[in-house]
Amino acid sequence: MNQINELSALINQTLDIIRN
């Protein structure tokens, strides 16, 4: 479950960078 949370955080950071 922890790996999924880390992956989610990484994806969210990436999307944040793309939006800005």
N, C-alpha and C. Protein backbone atom coordinates (compact mmCIF):
# COMPACT_ATOMS: atom_id res chain seq x y z
N MET A 1 0.84 -1.21 0.00
CA MET A 1 0.00 0.00 0.00
C MET A 1 0.87 1.26 0.00
N ASN A 2 2.00 1.16 0.71
CA ASN A 2 2.89 2.33 0.78
C ASN A 2 3.46 2.66 -0.60
N GLN A 3 3.75 1.60 -1.38
CA GLN A 3 4.30 1.84 -2.72
C GLN A 3 3.28 2.56 -3.59
N ILE A 4 2.01 2.20 -3.42
CA ILE A 4 0.95 2.84 -4.21
C ILE A 4 0.85 4.32 -3.83
N ASN A 5 0.97 4.62 -2.54
CA ASN A 5 0.89 6.01 -2.10
C ASN A 5 2.06 6.82 -2.65
N GLU A 6 3.25 6.22 -2.66
CA GLU A 6 4.43 6.92 -3.20
C GLU A 6 4.25 7.16 -4.69
N LEU A 7 3.72 6.17 -5.40
CA LEU A 7 3.49 6.31 -6.84
C LEU A 7 2.46 7.41 -7.10
N SER A 8 1.42 7.44 -6.29
CA SER A 8 0.38 8.46 -6.43
C SER A 8 0.97 9.85 -6.24
N ALA A 9 1.82 10.00 -5.23
CA ALA A 9 2.44 11.30 -4.95
C ALA A 9 3.30 11.72 -6.14
N LEU A 10 4.03 10.76 -6.71
CA LEU A 10 4.89 11.07 -7.85
C LEU A 10 4.06 11.51 -9.04
N ILE A 11 2.96 10.82 -9.29
CA ILE A 11 2.08 11.17 -10.41
C ILE A 11 1.48 12.56 -10.19
N ASN A 12 1.06 12.83 -8.97
CA ASN A 12 0.46 14.13 -8.67
C ASN A 12 1.47 15.25 -8.89
N GLN A 13 2.72 15.02 -8.47
CA GLN A 13 3.77 16.03 -8.67
C GLN A 13 4.00 16.26 -10.15
N THR A 14 4.02 15.18 -10.92
CA THR A 14 4.24 15.29 -12.36
C THR A 14 3.12 16.08 -13.03
N LEU A 15 1.87 15.76 -12.67
CA LEU A 15 0.74 16.48 -13.25
C LEU A 15 0.78 17.96 -12.86
N ASP A 16 1.20 18.23 -11.63
CA ASP A 16 1.30 19.61 -11.16
C ASP A 16 2.31 20.38 -12.01
N ILE A 17 3.44 19.72 -12.31
CA ILE A 17 4.48 20.38 -13.12
C ILE A 17 3.95 20.64 -14.54
N ILE A 18 3.22 19.66 -15.09
CA ILE A 18 2.69 19.80 -16.45
C ILE A 18 1.68 20.94 -16.52
N ARG A 19 0.84 21.06 -15.48
CA ARG A 19 -0.19 22.11 -15.48
C ARG A 19 0.45 23.49 -15.40
N ASN A 20 1.57 23.60 -14.72
CA ASN A 20 2.23 24.89 -14.56
C ASN A 20 3.40 24.98 -15.53
